Amino acid sequence: MHSPGNFHYYDPIARVYFSGDLGAAVFPEGKWYLFVEDFEEHKKFMEPFHRRYIATRRAIDVWLKRIKGLEIDVIAPQHGSIFQGENVKKFIDWLNSLDKVGIDLME
C-alpha cells in the first residue's frame, strides 16, 4: 500500500496473513514486544507510519475489499508486533478508521 514492491501473502491453512509493512510499528528505544496485547496502547506506535506511508485512503479501501471474506486468525507484519485473536479485527477496524493518509493529508 505504500510501495509498488510491497506484497502480502495469505496462508489459508494456518489462516495467517503476512502483511508486509501494513501493521508496522515504530517503537521507542528499549520497547518492543512480539504480540500485541494492548491494542489501544499499540496504536500510537503504528499511526504515524501508516498516516505517512500509505499513499491514499483509496489504497486502504482496495485492500479491505481484497481481504474481505478471508478467515484471518493472525496478521503478521514485517516490522512491528503480531496481531492475533480479537486484535486482528481491531487492527482492520482501526485501519478502516483512518480517513486521511498520505496525499489525502495535503488537502
N, C-alpha and C. Protein backbone atom coordinates (compact mmCIF):
# COMPACT_ATOMS: atom_id res chain seq x y z
N MET A 1 0.81 -1.20 0.00
CA MET A 1 0.00 0.00 0.00
C MET A 1 0.85 1.26 0.00
N HIS A 2 2.13 1.11 0.31
CA HIS A 2 2.98 2.30 0.31
C HIS A 2 4.07 2.24 -0.74
N SER A 3 4.22 1.09 -1.38
CA SER A 3 5.31 0.93 -2.34
C SER A 3 4.90 -0.12 -3.38
N PRO A 4 5.26 0.11 -4.65
CA PRO A 4 4.89 -0.87 -5.68
C PRO A 4 5.48 -2.26 -5.43
N GLY A 5 6.60 -2.37 -4.74
CA GLY A 5 7.21 -3.67 -4.50
C GLY A 5 6.73 -4.38 -3.25
N ASN A 6 5.87 -3.75 -2.49
CA ASN A 6 5.37 -4.34 -1.25
C ASN A 6 4.32 -5.38 -1.58
N PHE A 7 4.45 -6.58 -1.00
CA PHE A 7 3.43 -7.60 -1.27
C PHE A 7 3.01 -8.28 0.02
N HIS A 8 1.85 -8.90 -0.04
CA HIS A 8 1.26 -9.60 1.09
C HIS A 8 1.06 -11.05 0.70
N TYR A 9 0.96 -11.90 1.71
CA TYR A 9 0.75 -13.33 1.46
C TYR A 9 -0.21 -13.87 2.51
N TYR A 10 -1.18 -14.66 2.06
CA TYR A 10 -2.15 -15.27 2.96
C TYR A 10 -1.99 -16.78 2.93
N ASP A 11 -1.83 -17.39 4.08
CA ASP A 11 -1.76 -18.84 4.20
C ASP A 11 -3.13 -19.33 4.66
N PRO A 12 -3.92 -19.91 3.76
CA PRO A 12 -5.28 -20.32 4.12
C PRO A 12 -5.34 -21.51 5.08
N ILE A 13 -4.27 -22.29 5.16
CA ILE A 13 -4.24 -23.44 6.08
C ILE A 13 -4.01 -22.94 7.51
N ALA A 14 -2.98 -22.12 7.69
CA ALA A 14 -2.66 -21.59 9.02
C ALA A 14 -3.52 -20.38 9.37
N ARG A 15 -4.19 -19.80 8.35
CA ARG A 15 -5.02 -18.59 8.50
C ARG A 15 -4.18 -17.42 9.02
N VAL A 16 -2.98 -17.33 8.46
CA VAL A 16 -2.06 -16.24 8.79
C VAL A 16 -1.94 -15.32 7.58
N TYR A 17 -2.08 -14.04 7.82
CA TYR A 17 -1.93 -13.04 6.78
C TYR A 17 -0.61 -12.31 7.03
N PHE A 18 0.34 -12.51 6.13
CA PHE A 18 1.63 -11.83 6.20
C PHE A 18 1.47 -10.50 5.48
N SER A 19 1.50 -9.41 6.23
CA SER A 19 1.04 -8.12 5.73
C SER A 19 2.12 -7.15 5.28
N GLY A 20 3.33 -7.63 5.08
CA GLY A 20 4.38 -6.70 4.67
C GLY A 20 4.53 -5.59 5.69
N ASP A 21 4.49 -4.34 5.22
CA ASP A 21 4.63 -3.21 6.15
C ASP A 21 3.30 -2.76 6.75
N LEU A 22 2.21 -3.34 6.32
CA LEU A 22 0.92 -2.98 6.89
C LEU A 22 0.84 -3.53 8.31
N GLY A 23 0.62 -2.66 9.26
CA GLY A 23 0.63 -3.05 10.66
C GLY A 23 1.97 -2.77 11.33
N ALA A 24 2.89 -2.18 10.54
CA ALA A 24 4.21 -1.85 11.09
C ALA A 24 4.07 -0.88 12.26
N ALA A 25 5.02 -0.96 13.16
CA ALA A 25 5.04 -0.06 14.32
C ALA A 25 6.47 0.42 14.53
N VAL A 26 6.58 1.65 14.97
CA VAL A 26 7.88 2.22 15.30
C VAL A 26 7.90 2.42 16.81
N PHE A 27 8.71 1.62 17.47
CA PHE A 27 8.76 1.63 18.93
C PHE A 27 9.83 2.60 19.44
N PRO A 28 9.61 3.16 20.62
CA PRO A 28 10.68 3.94 21.24
C PRO A 28 11.82 3.00 21.65
N GLU A 29 13.00 3.54 21.79
CA GLU A 29 14.16 2.73 22.17
C GLU A 29 13.88 1.97 23.47
N GLY A 30 14.21 0.70 23.44
CA GLY A 30 14.04 -0.14 24.62
C GLY A 30 12.66 -0.76 24.79
N LYS A 31 11.73 -0.45 23.87
CA LYS A 31 10.38 -1.01 23.99
C LYS A 31 10.07 -1.81 22.73
N TRP A 32 9.71 -3.06 22.88
CA TRP A 32 9.31 -3.92 21.78
C TRP A 32 8.66 -5.15 22.37
N TYR A 33 7.69 -5.69 21.68
CA TYR A 33 7.04 -6.93 22.10
C TYR A 33 6.61 -7.69 20.85
N LEU A 34 6.59 -9.00 20.93
CA LEU A 34 6.29 -9.85 19.78
C LEU A 34 4.80 -9.82 19.43
N PHE A 35 3.93 -9.90 20.43
CA PHE A 35 2.48 -9.92 20.20
C PHE A 35 1.83 -8.68 20.79
N VAL A 36 0.86 -8.14 20.07
CA VAL A 36 0.09 -7.01 20.58
C VAL A 36 -0.86 -7.54 21.64
N GLU A 37 -0.77 -7.01 22.83
CA GLU A 37 -1.69 -7.38 23.90
C GLU A 37 -2.66 -6.24 24.20
N ASP A 38 -2.16 -5.02 24.21
CA ASP A 38 -2.98 -3.84 24.48
C ASP A 38 -3.09 -3.03 23.20
N PHE A 39 -4.14 -3.29 22.43
CA PHE A 39 -4.27 -2.64 21.12
C PHE A 39 -4.34 -1.13 21.24
N GLU A 40 -5.08 -0.63 22.21
CA GLU A 40 -5.21 0.83 22.37
C GLU A 40 -3.85 1.48 22.57
N GLU A 41 -3.01 0.87 23.36
CA GLU A 41 -1.66 1.38 23.61
C GLU A 41 -0.80 1.25 22.35
N HIS A 42 -0.98 0.18 21.61
CA HIS A 42 -0.16 -0.10 20.44
C HIS A 42 -0.42 0.87 19.28
N LYS A 43 -1.63 1.40 19.18
CA LYS A 43 -2.00 2.29 18.08
C LYS A 43 -1.02 3.46 17.93
N LYS A 44 -0.55 4.00 19.04
CA LYS A 44 0.33 5.17 18.96
C LYS A 44 1.67 4.85 18.31
N PHE A 45 2.05 3.58 18.28
CA PHE A 45 3.30 3.19 17.62
C PHE A 45 3.10 2.93 16.13
N MET A 46 1.84 2.75 15.71
CA MET A 46 1.53 2.47 14.31
C MET A 46 1.09 3.70 13.53
N GLU A 47 0.33 4.56 14.17
CA GLU A 47 -0.35 5.63 13.44
C GLU A 47 0.56 6.54 12.63
N PRO A 48 1.65 7.06 13.17
CA PRO A 48 2.49 7.95 12.35
C PRO A 48 2.98 7.28 11.07
N PHE A 49 3.42 6.03 11.17
CA PHE A 49 3.89 5.31 9.99
C PHE A 49 2.79 5.17 8.95
N HIS A 50 1.62 4.74 9.37
CA HIS A 50 0.53 4.50 8.43
C HIS A 50 0.01 5.79 7.81
N ARG A 51 -0.09 6.84 8.58
CA ARG A 51 -0.55 8.12 8.03
C ARG A 51 0.42 8.64 6.98
N ARG A 52 1.71 8.43 7.19
CA ARG A 52 2.73 8.96 6.28
C ARG A 52 2.95 8.07 5.06
N TYR A 53 2.98 6.76 5.24
CA TYR A 53 3.44 5.88 4.17
C TYR A 53 2.36 5.23 3.33
N ILE A 54 1.12 5.19 3.79
CA ILE A 54 0.06 4.70 2.90
C ILE A 54 -0.27 5.86 1.97
N ALA A 55 -0.20 5.62 0.67
CA ALA A 55 -0.28 6.69 -0.32
C ALA A 55 -1.59 7.46 -0.29
N THR A 56 -2.70 6.75 -0.12
CA THR A 56 -4.01 7.39 -0.17
C THR A 56 -5.05 6.49 0.48
N ARG A 57 -6.14 7.06 0.90
CA ARG A 57 -7.24 6.30 1.50
C ARG A 57 -7.77 5.24 0.53
N ARG A 58 -7.70 5.54 -0.74
CA ARG A 58 -8.19 4.58 -1.75
C ARG A 58 -7.44 3.25 -1.64
N ALA A 59 -6.15 3.29 -1.32
CA ALA A 59 -5.38 2.05 -1.16
C ALA A 59 -5.94 1.21 -0.02
N ILE A 60 -6.35 1.87 1.06
CA ILE A 60 -6.96 1.14 2.19
C ILE A 60 -8.25 0.48 1.73
N ASP A 61 -9.07 1.22 1.00
CA ASP A 61 -10.35 0.68 0.54
C ASP A 61 -10.16 -0.54 -0.36
N VAL A 62 -9.18 -0.47 -1.26
CA VAL A 62 -8.90 -1.60 -2.16
C VAL A 62 -8.43 -2.80 -1.34
N TRP A 63 -7.55 -2.56 -0.36
CA TRP A 63 -7.06 -3.66 0.49
C TRP A 63 -8.21 -4.30 1.27
N LEU A 64 -9.07 -3.48 1.85
CA LEU A 64 -10.20 -4.02 2.61
C LEU A 64 -11.08 -4.90 1.73
N LYS A 65 -11.27 -4.50 0.49
CA LYS A 65 -12.06 -5.30 -0.45
C LYS A 65 -11.38 -6.64 -0.74
N ARG A 66 -10.07 -6.61 -0.88
CA ARG A 66 -9.33 -7.83 -1.22
C ARG A 66 -9.33 -8.85 -0.08
N ILE A 67 -9.30 -8.38 1.16
CA ILE A 67 -9.23 -9.34 2.27
C ILE A 67 -10.60 -9.76 2.77
N LYS A 68 -11.65 -9.07 2.31
CA LYS A 68 -13.00 -9.40 2.76
C LYS A 68 -13.28 -10.88 2.48
N GLY A 69 -13.72 -11.58 3.48
CA GLY A 69 -14.05 -12.99 3.32
C GLY A 69 -12.91 -13.94 3.69
N LEU A 70 -11.69 -13.41 3.85
CA LEU A 70 -10.60 -14.28 4.29
C LEU A 70 -10.77 -14.61 5.77
N GLU A 71 -10.49 -15.82 6.14
CA GLU A 71 -10.53 -16.21 7.54
C GLU A 71 -9.13 -15.99 8.12
N ILE A 72 -8.96 -14.87 8.80
CA ILE A 72 -7.64 -14.48 9.30
C ILE A 72 -7.62 -14.61 10.82
N ASP A 73 -6.72 -15.46 11.31
CA ASP A 73 -6.52 -15.61 12.76
C ASP A 73 -5.34 -14.79 13.25
N VAL A 74 -4.39 -14.53 12.35
CA VAL A 74 -3.16 -13.82 12.71
C VAL A 74 -2.78 -12.88 11.58
N ILE A 75 -2.41 -11.64 11.92
CA ILE A 75 -1.79 -10.72 10.97
C ILE A 75 -0.36 -10.52 11.45
N ALA A 76 0.58 -10.86 10.56
CA ALA A 76 2.00 -10.79 10.91
C ALA A 76 2.70 -9.76 10.03
N PRO A 77 2.92 -8.56 10.57
CA PRO A 77 3.64 -7.54 9.80
C PRO A 77 5.15 -7.83 9.75
N GLN A 78 5.77 -7.28 8.73
CA GLN A 78 7.21 -7.41 8.58
C GLN A 78 7.96 -6.66 9.69
N HIS A 79 7.46 -5.50 10.05
CA HIS A 79 8.06 -4.69 11.11
C HIS A 79 6.99 -4.37 12.13
N GLY A 80 7.18 -4.77 13.34
CA GLY A 80 6.17 -4.48 14.35
C GLY A 80 5.80 -5.74 15.10
N SER A 81 4.65 -5.73 15.69
CA SER A 81 4.19 -6.85 16.51
C SER A 81 3.05 -7.59 15.81
N ILE A 82 2.84 -8.82 16.22
CA ILE A 82 1.86 -9.70 15.60
C ILE A 82 0.49 -9.51 16.25
N PHE A 83 -0.53 -9.45 15.40
CA PHE A 83 -1.92 -9.34 15.86
C PHE A 83 -2.53 -10.73 15.82
N GLN A 84 -3.21 -11.11 16.89
CA GLN A 84 -3.91 -12.39 16.92
C GLN A 84 -5.22 -12.23 17.67
N GLY A 85 -6.12 -13.19 17.46
CA GLY A 85 -7.40 -13.16 18.15
C GLY A 85 -8.19 -11.90 17.85
N GLU A 86 -8.75 -11.30 18.87
CA GLU A 86 -9.60 -10.11 18.70
C GLU A 86 -8.82 -8.92 18.15
N ASN A 87 -7.49 -8.92 18.30
CA ASN A 87 -6.69 -7.80 17.80
C ASN A 87 -6.60 -7.78 16.28
N VAL A 88 -6.90 -8.90 15.61
CA VAL A 88 -6.97 -8.91 14.15
C VAL A 88 -8.10 -7.99 13.71
N LYS A 89 -9.27 -8.19 14.25
CA LYS A 89 -10.42 -7.34 13.90
C LYS A 89 -10.18 -5.90 14.33
N LYS A 90 -9.61 -5.70 15.51
CA LYS A 90 -9.33 -4.33 15.96
C LYS A 90 -8.39 -3.62 15.00
N PHE A 91 -7.37 -4.34 14.50
CA PHE A 91 -6.45 -3.72 13.56
C PHE A 91 -7.17 -3.35 12.27
N ILE A 92 -7.95 -4.26 11.72
CA ILE A 92 -8.67 -3.99 10.47
C ILE A 92 -9.63 -2.82 10.66
N ASP A 93 -10.35 -2.80 11.77
CA ASP A 93 -11.27 -1.69 12.05
C ASP A 93 -10.52 -0.38 12.21
N TRP A 94 -9.37 -0.42 12.89
CA TRP A 94 -8.56 0.79 13.07
C TRP A 94 -8.08 1.32 11.72
N LEU A 95 -7.57 0.43 10.88
CA LEU A 95 -7.10 0.86 9.57
C LEU A 95 -8.24 1.48 8.78
N ASN A 96 -9.41 0.87 8.85
CA ASN A 96 -10.58 1.40 8.17
C ASN A 96 -10.98 2.78 8.71
N SER A 97 -10.63 3.07 9.95
CA SER A 97 -11.00 4.36 10.55
C SER A 97 -10.07 5.51 10.12
N LEU A 98 -8.95 5.19 9.49
CA LEU A 98 -8.02 6.25 9.05
C LEU A 98 -8.62 6.95 7.84
N ASP A 99 -9.17 8.12 8.05
CA ASP A 99 -9.85 8.82 6.97
C ASP A 99 -8.89 9.51 6.01
N LYS A 100 -7.76 9.99 6.50
CA LYS A 100 -6.80 10.68 5.65
C LYS A 100 -5.40 10.13 5.90
N VAL A 101 -4.77 9.73 4.82
CA VAL A 101 -3.39 9.24 4.87
C VAL A 101 -2.67 9.78 3.62
N GLY A 102 -1.35 9.76 3.68
CA GLY A 102 -0.56 10.14 2.51
C GLY A 102 -0.99 11.43 1.86
N ILE A 103 -1.24 11.36 0.57
CA ILE A 103 -1.58 12.55 -0.21
C ILE A 103 -2.90 13.20 0.25
N ASP A 104 -3.78 12.41 0.87
CA ASP A 104 -5.05 12.95 1.36
C ASP A 104 -4.82 14.03 2.42
N LEU A 105 -3.69 13.97 3.11
CA LEU A 105 -3.38 14.95 4.15
C LEU A 105 -2.99 16.31 3.56
N MET A 106 -2.75 16.36 2.27
CA MET A 106 -2.32 17.62 1.63
C MET A 106 -3.49 18.53 1.28
N GLU A 107 -4.70 18.05 1.48
CA GLU A 107 -5.87 18.89 1.14
C GLU A 107 -5.98 20.07 2.06
